[in-house]
PDB file of N, CA and C in Angstrom:
ATOM      1  N   UNK A   1     146.716 395.363 148.326  1.00  0.00           N
ATOM      2  CA  UNK A   1     145.588 394.453 148.366  1.00  0.00           C
ATOM      3  C   UNK A   1     145.749 393.383 147.302  1.00  0.00           C
ATOM      4  N   UNK A   2     145.172 392.243 147.610  1.00  0.00           N
ATOM      5  CA  UNK A   2     145.174 391.133 146.666  1.00  0.00           C
ATOM      6  C   UNK A   2     143.772 390.543 146.568  1.00  0.00           C
ATOM      7  N   UNK A   3     143.465 390.011 145.401  1.00  0.00           N
ATOM      8  CA  UNK A   3     142.222 389.280 145.194  1.00  0.00           C
ATOM      9  C   UNK A   3     142.586 387.859 144.830  1.00  0.00           C
ATOM     10  N   UNK A   4     141.904 386.927 145.456  1.00  0.00           N
ATOM     11  CA  UNK A   4     142.086 385.507 145.164  1.00  0.00           C
ATOM     12  C   UNK A   4     140.739 384.971 144.697  1.00  0.00           C
ATOM     13  N   UNK A   5     140.758 384.283 143.565  1.00  0.00           N
ATOM     14  CA  UNK A   5     139.550 383.677 143.032  1.00  0.00           C
ATOM     15  C   UNK A   5     139.742 382.167 143.072  1.00  0.00           C
ATOM     16  N   UNK A   6     138.928 381.509 143.878  1.00  0.00           N
ATOM     17  CA  UNK A   6     138.986 380.057 144.022  1.00  0.00           C
ATOM     18  C   UNK A   6     137.703 379.483 143.433  1.00  0.00           C
ATOM     19  N   UNK A   7     137.843 378.534 142.507  1.00  0.00           N
ATOM     20  CA  UNK A   7     136.666 377.907 141.913  1.00  0.00           C
ATOM     21  C   UNK A   7     136.795 376.394 141.979  1.00  0.00           C
ATOM     22  N   UNK A   8     135.644 375.740 141.924  1.00  0.00           N
ATOM     23  CA  UNK A   8     135.590 374.283 141.913  1.00  0.00           C
ATOM     24  C   UNK A   8     134.260 373.846 141.338  1.00  0.00           C
ATOM     25  N   UNK A   9     134.152 372.576 141.003  1.00  0.00           N
ATOM     26  CA  UNK A   9     132.887 372.022 140.537  1.00  0.00           C
ATOM     27  C   UNK A   9     132.314 371.115 141.615  1.00  0.00           C
ATOM     28  N   UNK A  10     130.986 370.983 141.578  1.00  0.00           N
ATOM     29  CA  UNK A  10     130.311 370.145 142.568  1.00  0.00           C
ATOM     30  C   UNK A  10     128.888 369.867 142.109  1.00  0.00           C
ATOM     31  N   UNK A  11     128.339 368.781 142.579  1.00  0.00           N
ATOM     32  CA  UNK A  11     126.935 368.453 142.337  1.00  0.00           C
ATOM     33  C   UNK A  11     126.072 368.794 143.547  1.00  0.00           C
ATOM     34  N   UNK A  12     126.581 369.629 144.436  1.00  0.00           N
ATOM     35  CA  UNK A  12     125.860 370.006 145.646  1.00  0.00           C
ATOM     36  C   UNK A  12     124.527 370.671 145.269  1.00  0.00           C
ATOM     37  N   UNK A  13     123.491 370.402 146.031  1.00  0.00           N
ATOM     38  CA  UNK A  13     122.198 371.029 145.735  1.00  0.00           C
ATOM     39  C   UNK A  13     122.110 372.395 146.418  1.00  0.00           C
ATOM     40  N   UNK A  14     121.122 373.170 146.023  1.00  0.00           N
ATOM     41  CA  UNK A  14     120.986 374.547 146.493  1.00  0.00           C
ATOM     42  C   UNK A  14     120.836 374.621 148.015  1.00  0.00           C
ATOM     43  N   UNK A  15     120.004 373.767 148.595  1.00  0.00           N
ATOM     44  CA  UNK A  15     119.778 373.799 150.042  1.00  0.00           C
ATOM     45  C   UNK A  15     121.068 373.519 150.807  1.00  0.00           C
ATOM     46  N   UNK A  16     121.810 372.489 150.389  1.00  0.00           N
ATOM     47  CA  UNK A  16     123.065 372.162 151.065  1.00  0.00           C
ATOM     48  C   UNK A  16     124.090 373.276 150.889  1.00  0.00           C
ATOM     49  N   UNK A  17     124.106 373.884 149.710  1.00  0.00           N
ATOM     50  CA  UNK A  17     125.031 374.993 149.479  1.00  0.00           C
ATOM     51  C   UNK A  17     124.687 376.182 150.381  1.00  0.00           C
ATOM     52  N   UNK A  18     123.402 376.514 150.444  1.00  0.00           N
ATOM     53  CA  UNK A  18     122.976 377.623 151.304  1.00  0.00           C
ATOM     54  C   UNK A  18     123.374 377.359 152.757  1.00  0.00           C
ATOM     55  N   UNK A  19     123.177 376.145 153.231  1.00  0.00           N
ATOM     56  CA  UNK A  19     123.560 375.796 154.603  1.00  0.00           C
ATOM     57  C   UNK A  19     125.062 375.924 154.807  1.00  0.00           C
ATOM     58  N   UNK A  20     125.825 375.487 153.811  1.00  0.00           N
ATOM     59  CA  UNK A  20     127.279 375.564 153.892  1.00  0.00           C
ATOM     60  C   UNK A  20     127.729 377.028 153.988  1.00  0.00           C
ATOM     61  N   UNK A  21     127.108 377.901 153.198  1.00  0.00           N
ATOM     62  CA  UNK A  21     127.467 379.320 153.220  1.00  0.00           C
ATOM     63  C   UNK A  21     127.109 379.936 154.579  1.00  0.00           C
ATOM     64  N   UNK A  22     125.922 379.644 155.066  1.00  0.00           N
ATOM     65  CA  UNK A  22     125.477 380.207 156.348  1.00  0.00           C
ATOM     66  C   UNK A  22     126.387 379.752 157.488  1.00  0.00           C
ATOM     67  N   UNK A  23     126.779 378.493 157.468  1.00  0.00           N
ATOM     68  CA  UNK A  23     127.679 377.981 158.506  1.00  0.00           C
ATOM     69  C   UNK A  23     129.099 378.525 158.332  1.00  0.00           C
ATOM     70  N   UNK A  24     129.522 378.698 157.090  1.00  0.00           N
ATOM     71  CA  UNK A  24     130.905 379.076 156.824  1.00  0.00           C
ATOM     72  C   UNK A  24     131.208 380.556 156.909  1.00  0.00           C
ATOM     73  N   UNK A  25     130.233 381.409 156.645  1.00  0.00           N
ATOM     74  CA  UNK A  25     130.489 382.852 156.603  1.00  0.00           C
ATOM     75  C   UNK A  25     131.141 383.376 157.888  1.00  0.00           C
ATOM     76  N   UNK A  26     130.653 383.002 159.070  1.00  0.00           N
ATOM     77  CA  UNK A  26     131.314 383.501 160.287  1.00  0.00           C
ATOM     78  C   UNK A  26     132.753 383.001 160.443  1.00  0.00           C
ATOM     79  N   UNK A  27     133.033 381.822 159.911  1.00  0.00           N
ATOM     80  CA  UNK A  27     134.396 381.276 159.985  1.00  0.00           C
ATOM     81  C   UNK A  27     135.331 382.150 159.157  1.00  0.00           C
ATOM     82  N   UNK A  28     134.921 382.471 157.936  1.00  0.00           N
ATOM     83  CA  UNK A  28     135.772 383.303 157.082  1.00  0.00           C
ATOM     84  C   UNK A  28     135.852 384.727 157.600  1.00  0.00           C
ATOM     85  N   UNK A  29     134.817 385.203 158.270  1.00  0.00           N
ATOM     86  CA  UNK A  29     134.851 386.555 158.827  1.00  0.00           C
ATOM     87  C   UNK A  29     135.961 386.707 159.862  1.00  0.00           C
ATOM     88  N   UNK A  30     136.385 385.597 160.452  1.00  0.00           N
ATOM     89  CA  UNK A  30     137.419 385.637 161.490  1.00  0.00           C
ATOM     90  C   UNK A  30     138.834 385.413 160.945  1.00  0.00           C
ATOM     91  N   UNK A  31     138.981 385.207 159.657  1.00  0.00           N
ATOM     92  CA  UNK A  31     140.307 384.948 159.076  1.00  0.00           C
ATOM     93  C   UNK A  31     141.117 386.246 159.072  1.00  0.00           C
ATOM     94  N   UNK A  32     142.304 386.239 159.688  1.00  0.00           N
ATOM     95  CA  UNK A  32     143.131 387.454 159.738  1.00  0.00           C
ATOM     96  C   UNK A  32     143.509 387.945 158.340  1.00  0.00           C
ATOM     97  N   UNK A  33     143.315 389.228 158.122  1.00  0.00           N
ATOM     98  CA  UNK A  33     143.701 389.841 156.862  1.00  0.00           C
ATOM     99  C   UNK A  33     142.682 389.733 155.743  1.00  0.00           C
ATOM    100  N   UNK A  34     141.619 388.963 155.955  1.00  0.00           N
ATOM    101  CA  UNK A  34     140.584 388.830 154.926  1.00  0.00           C
ATOM    102  C   UNK A  34     139.560 389.943 155.110  1.00  0.00           C
ATOM    103  N   UNK A  35     139.438 390.788 154.104  1.00  0.00           N
ATOM    104  CA  UNK A  35     138.487 391.894 154.169  1.00  0.00           C
ATOM    105  C   UNK A  35     137.077 391.365 153.946  1.00  0.00           C
ATOM    106  N   UNK A  36     136.903 390.547 152.913  1.00  0.00           N
ATOM    107  CA  UNK A  36     135.606 389.941 152.623  1.00  0.00           C
ATOM    108  C   UNK A  36     135.789 388.754 151.694  1.00  0.00           C
ATOM    109  N   UNK A  37     134.904 387.786 151.851  1.00  0.00           N
ATOM    110  CA  UNK A  37     134.822 386.675 150.904  1.00  0.00           C
ATOM    111  C   UNK A  37     133.425 386.712 150.303  1.00  0.00           C
ATOM    112  N   UNK A  38     133.366 386.727 148.978  1.00  0.00           N
ATOM    113  CA  UNK A  38     132.095 386.615 148.278  1.00  0.00           C
ATOM    114  C   UNK A  38     131.939 385.159 147.856  1.00  0.00           C
ATOM    115  N   UNK A  39     130.852 384.546 148.261  1.00  0.00           N
ATOM    116  CA  UNK A  39     130.544 383.177 147.865  1.00  0.00           C
ATOM    117  C   UNK A  39     129.825 383.252 146.518  1.00  0.00           C
ATOM    118  N   UNK A  40     130.372 382.585 145.502  1.00  0.00           N
ATOM    119  CA  UNK A  40     129.803 382.667 144.155  1.00  0.00           C
ATOM    120  C   UNK A  40     129.376 381.285 143.682  1.00  0.00           C
ATOM    121  N   UNK A  41     128.378 381.264 142.798  1.00  0.00           N
ATOM    122  CA  UNK A  41     127.855 379.976 142.337  1.00  0.00           C
ATOM    123  C   UNK A  41     127.179 380.104 140.982  1.00  0.00           C
ATOM    124  N   UNK A  42     127.131 378.979 140.277  1.00  0.00           N
ATOM    125  CA  UNK A  42     126.385 378.829 139.039  1.00  0.00           C
ATOM    126  C   UNK A  42     125.878 377.385 139.036  1.00  0.00           C
ATOM    127  N   UNK A  43     124.651 377.206 139.506  1.00  0.00           N
ATOM    128  CA  UNK A  43     124.117 375.854 139.654  1.00  0.00           C
ATOM    129  C   UNK A  43     123.963 375.142 138.310  1.00  0.00           C
ATOM    130  N   UNK A  44     123.652 375.875 137.253  1.00  0.00           N
ATOM    131  CA  UNK A  44     123.486 375.254 135.939  1.00  0.00           C
ATOM    132  C   UNK A  44     124.774 374.598 135.452  1.00  0.00           C
ATOM    133  N   UNK A  45     125.905 375.225 135.734  1.00  0.00           N
ATOM    134  CA  UNK A  45     127.197 374.698 135.286  1.00  0.00           C
ATOM    135  C   UNK A  45     127.934 373.943 136.391  1.00  0.00           C
ATOM    136  N   UNK A  46     127.318 373.835 137.580  1.00  0.00           N
ATOM    137  CA  UNK A  46     127.914 373.131 138.729  1.00  0.00           C
ATOM    138  C   UNK A  46     129.240 373.768 139.150  1.00  0.00           C
ATOM    139  N   UNK A  47     129.320 375.095 139.020  1.00  0.00           N
ATOM    140  CA  UNK A  47     130.537 375.842 139.378  1.00  0.00           C
ATOM    141  C   UNK A  47     130.274 376.664 140.634  1.00  0.00           C
ATOM    142  N   UNK A  48     131.252 376.643 141.527  1.00  0.00           N
ATOM    143  CA  UNK A  48     131.150 377.357 142.793  1.00  0.00           C
ATOM    144  C   UNK A  48     132.508 377.952 143.126  1.00  0.00           C
ATOM    145  N   UNK A  49     132.528 378.811 144.122  1.00  0.00           N
ATOM    146  CA  UNK A  49     133.817 379.329 144.539  1.00  0.00           C
ATOM    147  C   UNK A  49     133.698 380.505 145.469  1.00  0.00           C
ATOM    148  N   UNK A  50     134.831 381.167 145.627  1.00  0.00           N
ATOM    149  CA  UNK A  50     134.901 382.341 146.474  1.00  0.00           C
ATOM    150  C   UNK A  50     135.806 383.375 145.849  1.00  0.00           C
ATOM    151  N   UNK A  51     135.431 384.625 146.038  1.00  0.00           N
ATOM    152  CA  UNK A  51     136.275 385.738 145.642  1.00  0.00           C
ATOM    153  C   UNK A  51     136.676 386.430 146.936  1.00  0.00           C
ATOM    154  N   UNK A  52     137.962 386.381 147.218  1.00  0.00           N
ATOM    155  CA  UNK A  52     138.508 386.866 148.488  1.00  0.00           C
ATOM    156  C   UNK A  52     139.238 388.175 148.252  1.00  0.00           C
ATOM    157  N   UNK A  53     138.973 389.158 149.093  1.00  0.00           N
ATOM    158  CA  UNK A  53     139.714 390.412 149.063  1.00  0.00           C
ATOM    159  C   UNK A  53     140.593 390.447 150.308  1.00  0.00           C
ATOM    160  N   UNK A  54     141.911 390.469 150.072  1.00  0.00           N
ATOM    161  CA  UNK A  54     142.897 390.401 151.154  1.00  0.00           C
ATOM    162  C   UNK A  54     143.557 391.746 151.384  1.00  0.00           C
ATOM    163  N   UNK A  55     143.849 392.044 152.652  1.00  0.00           N
ATOM    164  CA  UNK A  55     144.582 393.262 153.005  1.00  0.00           C
ATOM    165  C   UNK A  55     145.987 393.247 152.418  1.00  0.00           C
ATOM    166  N   UNK A  56     146.621 392.064 152.423  1.00  0.00           N
ATOM    167  CA  UNK A  56     148.002 391.962 151.958  1.00  0.00           C
ATOM    168  C   UNK A  56     148.303 390.525 151.537  1.00  0.00           C
ATOM    169  N   UNK A  57     149.412 390.391 150.839  1.00  0.00           N
ATOM    170  CA  UNK A  57     149.816 389.082 150.321  1.00  0.00           C
ATOM    171  C   UNK A  57     150.148 388.102 151.447  1.00  0.00           C
ATOM    172  N   UNK A  58     150.757 388.589 152.518  1.00  0.00           N
ATOM    173  CA  UNK A  58     151.127 387.707 153.630  1.00  0.00           C
ATOM    174  C   UNK A  58     149.906 387.014 154.225  1.00  0.00           C
ATOM    175  N   UNK A  59     148.838 387.746 154.440  1.00  0.00           N
ATOM    176  CA  UNK A  59     147.612 387.157 154.999  1.00  0.00           C
ATOM    177  C   UNK A  59     147.059 386.088 154.066  1.00  0.00           C
ATOM    178  N   UNK A  60     147.086 386.373 152.772  1.00  0.00           N
ATOM    179  CA  UNK A  60     146.592 385.420 151.787  1.00  0.00           C
ATOM    180  C   UNK A  60     147.444 384.153 151.795  1.00  0.00           C
ATOM    181  N   UNK A  61     148.751 384.307 151.833  1.00  0.00           N
ATOM    182  CA  UNK A  61     149.638 383.149 151.830  1.00  0.00           C
ATOM    183  C   UNK A  61     149.457 382.309 153.095  1.00  0.00           C
ATOM    184  N   UNK A  62     149.264 382.964 154.231  1.00  0.00           N
ATOM    185  CA  UNK A  62     149.021 382.229 155.482  1.00  0.00           C
ATOM    186  C   UNK A  62     147.722 381.431 155.388  1.00  0.00           C
ATOM    187  N   UNK A  63     146.701 382.031 154.813  1.00  0.00           N
ATOM    188  CA  UNK A  63     145.429 381.321 154.620  1.00  0.00           C
ATOM    189  C   UNK A  63     145.630 380.094 153.741  1.00  0.00           C
ATOM    190  N   UNK A  64     146.420 380.241 152.677  1.00  0.00           N
ATOM    191  CA  UNK A  64     146.642 379.123 151.749  1.00  0.00           C
ATOM    192  C   UNK A  64     147.376 377.956 152.406  1.00  0.00           C
ATOM    193  N   UNK A  65     148.035 378.197 153.537  1.00  0.00           N
ATOM    194  CA  UNK A  65     148.709 377.134 154.288  1.00  0.00           C
ATOM    195  C   UNK A  65     147.824 376.581 155.410  1.00  0.00           C
ATOM    196  N   UNK A  66     146.656 377.175 155.599  1.00  0.00           N
ATOM    197  CA  UNK A  66     145.824 376.854 156.760  1.00  0.00           C
ATOM    198  C   UNK A  66     144.979 375.591 156.561  1.00  0.00           C
ATOM    199  N   UNK A  67     144.527 375.069 157.679  1.00  0.00           N
ATOM    200  CA  UNK A  67     143.614 373.927 157.656  1.00  0.00           C
ATOM    201  C   UNK A  67     142.283 374.303 157.017  1.00  0.00           C
ATOM    202  N   UNK A  68     141.875 375.550 157.166  1.00  0.00           N
ATOM    203  CA  UNK A  68     140.621 375.992 156.554  1.00  0.00           C
ATOM    204  C   UNK A  68     140.694 375.897 155.034  1.00  0.00           C
ATOM    205  N   UNK A  69     141.787 376.376 154.446  1.00  0.00           N
ATOM    206  CA  UNK A  69     141.954 376.281 152.999  1.00  0.00           C
ATOM    207  C   UNK A  69     142.019 374.822 152.566  1.00  0.00           C
ATOM    208  N   UNK A  70     142.758 374.013 153.310  1.00  0.00           N
ATOM    209  CA  UNK A  70     142.858 372.595 152.991  1.00  0.00           C
ATOM    210  C   UNK A  70     141.500 371.913 153.059  1.00  0.00           C
ATOM    211  N   UNK A  71     140.640 372.352 153.997  1.00  0.00           N
ATOM    212  CA  UNK A  71     139.318 371.736 154.115  1.00  0.00           C
ATOM    213  C   UNK A  71     138.471 371.991 152.868  1.00  0.00           C
ATOM    214  N   UNK A  72     138.686 373.110 152.216  1.00  0.00           N
ATOM    215  CA  UNK A  72     137.969 373.397 150.970  1.00  0.00           C
ATOM    216  C   UNK A  72     138.546 372.546 149.840  1.00  0.00           C
ATOM    217  N   UNK A  73     139.853 372.550 149.724  1.00  0.00           N
ATOM    218  CA  UNK A  73     140.512 371.815 148.647  1.00  0.00           C
ATOM    219  C   UNK A  73     140.285 370.308 148.767  1.00  0.00           C
ATOM    220  N   UNK A  74     140.226 369.807 149.977  1.00  0.00           N
ATOM    221  CA  UNK A  74     140.091 368.369 150.194  1.00  0.00           C
ATOM    222  C   UNK A  74     138.647 367.912 150.418  1.00  0.00           C
ATOM    223  N   UNK A  75     137.691 368.830 150.325  1.00  0.00           N
ATOM    224  CA  UNK A  75     136.293 368.467 150.541  1.00  0.00           C
ATOM    225  C   UNK A  75     135.875 367.429 149.495  1.00  0.00           C
ATOM    226  N   UNK A  76     135.286 366.306 149.930  1.00  0.00           N
ATOM    227  CA  UNK A  76     134.962 365.229 148.985  1.00  0.00           C
ATOM    228  C   UNK A  76     133.899 365.594 147.947  1.00  0.00           C
ATOM    229  N   UNK A  77     133.105 366.626 148.204  1.00  0.00           N
ATOM    230  CA  UNK A  77     132.061 367.011 147.243  1.00  0.00           C
ATOM    231  C   UNK A  77     132.556 368.008 146.196  1.00  0.00           C
ATOM    232  N   UNK A  78     133.816 368.477 146.331  1.00  0.00           N
ATOM    233  CA  UNK A  78     134.357 369.483 145.422  1.00  0.00           C
ATOM    234  C   UNK A  78     135.488 368.899 144.591  1.00  0.00           C
ATOM    235  N   UNK A  79     135.547 369.291 143.318  1.00  0.00           N
ATOM    236  CA  UNK A  79     136.644 368.842 142.450  1.00  0.00           C
ATOM    237  C   UNK A  79     137.028 369.964 141.487  1.00  0.00           C
ATOM    238  N   UNK A  80     138.064 369.710 140.717  1.00  0.00           N
ATOM    239  CA  UNK A  80     138.535 370.655 139.692  1.00  0.00           C
ATOM    240  C   UNK A  80     138.826 372.044 140.283  1.00  0.00           C
ATOM    241  N   UNK A  81     139.569 372.062 141.368  1.00  0.00           N
ATOM    242  CA  UNK A  81     139.890 373.317 142.050  1.00  0.00           C
ATOM    243  C   UNK A  81     140.865 374.163 141.235  1.00  0.00           C
ATOM    244  N   UNK A  82     140.624 375.444 141.275  1.00  0.00           N
ATOM    245  CA  UNK A  82     141.555 376.417 140.702  1.00  0.00           C
ATOM    246  C   UNK A  82     141.664 377.593 141.658  1.00  0.00           C
ATOM    247  N   UNK A  83     142.845 378.146 141.763  1.00  0.00           N
ATOM    248  CA  UNK A  83     143.056 379.332 142.583  1.00  0.00           C
ATOM    249  C   UNK A  83     143.905 380.309 141.781  1.00  0.00           C
ATOM    250  N   UNK A  84     143.357 381.502 141.575  1.00  0.00           N
ATOM    251  CA  UNK A  84     144.072 382.544 140.853  1.00  0.00           C
ATOM    252  C   UNK A  84     144.274 383.732 141.791  1.00  0.00           C
ATOM    253  N   UNK A  85     145.410 384.371 141.658  1.00  0.00           N
ATOM    254  CA  UNK A  85     145.760 385.482 142.538  1.00  0.00           C
ATOM    255  C   UNK A  85     146.044 386.723 141.689  1.00  0.00           C
ATOM    256  N   UNK A  86     145.481 387.841 142.128  1.00  0.00           N
ATOM    257  CA  UNK A  86     145.646 389.109 141.434  1.00  0.00           C
ATOM    258  C   UNK A  86     146.021 390.193 142.434  1.00  0.00           C
ATOM    259  N   UNK A  87     146.858 391.120 142.010  1.00  0.00           N
ATOM    260  CA  UNK A  87     147.112 392.323 142.802  1.00  0.00           C
ATOM    261  C   UNK A  87     146.092 393.372 142.389  1.00  0.00           C
ATOM    262  N   UNK A  88     145.712 394.202 143.334  1.00  0.00           N
ATOM    263  CA  UNK A  88     144.761 395.282 143.074  1.00  0.00           C
ATOM    264  C   UNK A  88     145.543 396.545 142.732  1.00  0.00           C
ATOM    265  N   UNK A  89     145.176 397.202 141.655  1.00  0.00           N
ATOM    266  CA  UNK A  89     145.807 398.465 141.270  1.00  0.00           C
ATOM    267  C   UNK A  89     145.287 399.536 142.221  1.00  0.00           C
ATOM    268  N   UNK A  90     146.149 399.977 143.132  1.00  0.00           N
ATOM    269  CA  UNK A  90     145.729 400.854 144.220  1.00  0.00           C
ATOM    270  C   UNK A  90     145.224 402.216 143.744  1.00  0.00           C
ATOM    271  N   UNK A  91     145.904 402.833 142.794  1.00  0.00           N
ATOM    272  CA  UNK A  91     145.469 404.150 142.334  1.00  0.00           C
ATOM    273  C   UNK A  91     144.090 404.053 141.690  1.00  0.00           C
ATOM    274  N   UNK A  92     143.891 403.036 140.867  1.00  0.00           N
ATOM    275  CA  UNK A  92     142.576 402.842 140.249  1.00  0.00           C
ATOM    276  C   UNK A  92     141.488 402.641 141.291  1.00  0.00           C
ATOM    277  N   UNK A  93     141.807 401.893 142.350  1.00  0.00           N
ATOM    278  CA  UNK A  93     140.851 401.660 143.432  1.00  0.00           C
ATOM    279  C   UNK A  93     140.534 402.961 144.154  1.00  0.00           C
ATOM    280  N   UNK A  94     141.574 403.720 144.482  1.00  0.00           N
ATOM    281  CA  UNK A  94     141.395 404.978 145.206  1.00  0.00           C
ATOM    282  C   UNK A  94     140.582 405.979 144.389  1.00  0.00           C
ATOM    283  N   UNK A  95     140.858 406.067 143.094  1.00  0.00           N
ATOM    284  CA  UNK A  95     140.142 407.002 142.245  1.00  0.00           C
ATOM    285  C   UNK A  95     138.645 406.679 142.194  1.00  0.00           C
ATOM    286  N   UNK A  96     138.301 405.404 142.272  1.00  0.00           N
ATOM    287  CA  UNK A  96     136.891 405.034 142.251  1.00  0.00           C
ATOM    288  C   UNK A  96     136.223 405.307 143.592  1.00  0.00           C
ATOM    289  N   UNK A  97     136.966 405.177 144.672  1.00  0.00           N
ATOM    290  CA  UNK A  97     136.401 405.430 145.985  1.00  0.00           C
ATOM    291  C   UNK A  97     136.084 406.903 146.189  1.00  0.00           C
ATOM    292  N   UNK A  98     136.832 407.766 145.521  1.00  0.00           N
ATOM    293  CA  UNK A  98     136.678 409.210 145.709  1.00  0.00           C
ATOM    294  C   UNK A  98     135.877 409.857 144.590  1.00  0.00           C
ATOM    295  N   UNK A  99     134.813 409.202 144.151  1.00  0.00           N
ATOM    296  CA  UNK A  99     133.978 409.765 143.067  1.00  0.00           C
ATOM    297  C   UNK A  99     133.311 411.031 143.515  1.00  0.00           C
TER     298      UNK A  99
END
Protein backbone atom coordinates (compact mmCIF):
# COMPACT_ATOMS: atom_id res chain seq x y z
CA UNK A 1 0.00 0.00 0.00
CA UNK A 2 0.98 3.57 -0.60
CA UNK A 3 -0.23 6.90 0.73
CA UNK A 4 -0.06 10.03 -1.36
CA UNK A 5 -0.54 13.44 0.22
CA UNK A 6 -1.36 16.21 -2.24
CA UNK A 7 -1.66 19.78 -0.97
CA UNK A 8 -2.25 23.17 -2.54
CA UNK A 9 -3.30 26.69 -1.62
CA UNK A 10 -6.45 28.44 -2.77
CA UNK A 11 -8.79 31.29 -1.95
CA UNK A 12 -11.82 29.11 -2.69
CA UNK A 13 -14.76 29.74 -0.37
CA UNK A 14 -16.42 27.06 1.75
CA UNK A 15 -19.55 26.71 -0.41
CA UNK A 16 -17.55 26.27 -3.63
CA UNK A 17 -15.22 23.81 -1.92
CA UNK A 18 -18.14 21.76 -0.59
CA UNK A 19 -19.66 21.65 -4.09
CA UNK A 20 -16.33 20.61 -5.57
CA UNK A 21 -16.01 17.75 -3.06
CA UNK A 22 -19.59 16.56 -3.62
CA UNK A 23 -19.11 16.58 -7.39
CA UNK A 24 -15.64 15.06 -7.24
CA UNK A 25 -16.07 12.24 -4.71
CA UNK A 26 -17.82 9.86 -7.15
CA UNK A 27 -15.10 10.53 -9.74
CA UNK A 28 -12.34 9.51 -7.34
CA UNK A 29 -14.37 6.53 -6.16
CA UNK A 30 -14.02 5.12 -9.68
CA UNK A 31 -10.22 5.49 -9.91
CA UNK A 32 -8.64 2.02 -10.28
CA UNK A 33 -6.53 1.03 -7.30
CA UNK A 34 -7.64 3.93 -5.09
CA UNK A 35 -8.98 2.61 -1.80
CA UNK A 36 -10.08 6.01 -0.51
CA UNK A 37 -9.38 9.70 -0.89
CA UNK A 38 -9.81 11.95 2.13
CA UNK A 39 -10.51 15.55 1.17
CA UNK A 40 -8.69 17.80 3.66
CA UNK A 41 -8.85 21.54 4.25
CA UNK A 42 -7.82 24.43 6.47
CA UNK A 43 -9.75 27.53 5.45
CA UNK A 44 -7.84 29.81 7.85
CA UNK A 45 -4.53 29.01 6.14
CA UNK A 46 -6.06 28.57 2.63
CA UNK A 47 -4.63 25.02 2.49
CA UNK A 48 -6.43 22.13 0.83
CA UNK A 49 -5.62 18.71 -0.48
CA UNK A 50 -6.21 15.02 -0.53
CA UNK A 51 -4.86 12.03 1.30
CA UNK A 52 -5.02 9.03 -1.00
CA UNK A 53 -4.69 5.41 0.08
CA UNK A 54 -3.57 3.25 -2.85
CA UNK A 55 -3.64 -0.53 -3.23
CA UNK A 56 -0.25 -0.44 -4.97
CA UNK A 57 2.38 1.83 -6.45
CA UNK A 58 1.38 1.05 -10.04
CA UNK A 59 -2.16 2.38 -9.54
CA UNK A 60 -0.79 5.53 -7.94
CA UNK A 61 1.68 6.11 -10.77
CA UNK A 62 -1.05 5.61 -13.39
CA UNK A 63 -3.21 8.18 -11.60
CA UNK A 64 -0.30 10.65 -11.58
CA UNK A 65 -0.19 10.37 -15.40
CA UNK A 66 -3.96 10.77 -15.77
CA UNK A 67 -6.03 13.69 -16.96
CA UNK A 68 -7.78 13.69 -13.59
CA UNK A 69 -4.51 14.37 -11.75
CA UNK A 70 -3.57 17.00 -14.31
CA UNK A 71 -6.95 18.69 -13.81
CA UNK A 72 -6.10 19.19 -10.14
CA UNK A 73 -2.56 20.39 -10.77
CA UNK A 74 -3.64 22.73 -13.57
CA UNK A 75 -6.79 24.06 -11.88
CA UNK A 76 -6.61 27.89 -12.08
CA UNK A 77 -7.86 28.34 -8.50
CA UNK A 78 -5.10 26.14 -7.00
CA UNK A 79 -1.41 26.95 -6.54
CA UNK A 80 1.67 25.83 -4.62
CA UNK A 81 1.04 22.14 -5.29
CA UNK A 82 2.97 19.49 -3.43
CA UNK A 83 2.74 15.72 -3.71
CA UNK A 84 4.40 13.41 -1.22
CA UNK A 85 4.43 9.63 -1.45
CA UNK A 86 4.80 7.18 1.42
CA UNK A 87 4.85 3.40 1.67
CA UNK A 88 2.67 1.84 4.34
CA UNK A 89 4.40 -0.43 6.85
CA UNK A 90 2.31 -3.56 6.34
CA UNK A 91 3.08 -5.36 9.60
CA UNK A 92 2.27 -2.25 11.62
CA UNK A 93 -1.00 -1.89 9.70
CA UNK A 94 -1.93 -5.54 10.19
CA UNK A 95 -1.15 -5.46 13.91
CA UNK A 96 -3.53 -2.52 14.36
CA UNK A 97 -6.30 -4.18 12.38
CA UNK A 98 -6.17 -7.26 14.61
CA UNK A 99 -6.61 -5.52 17.98
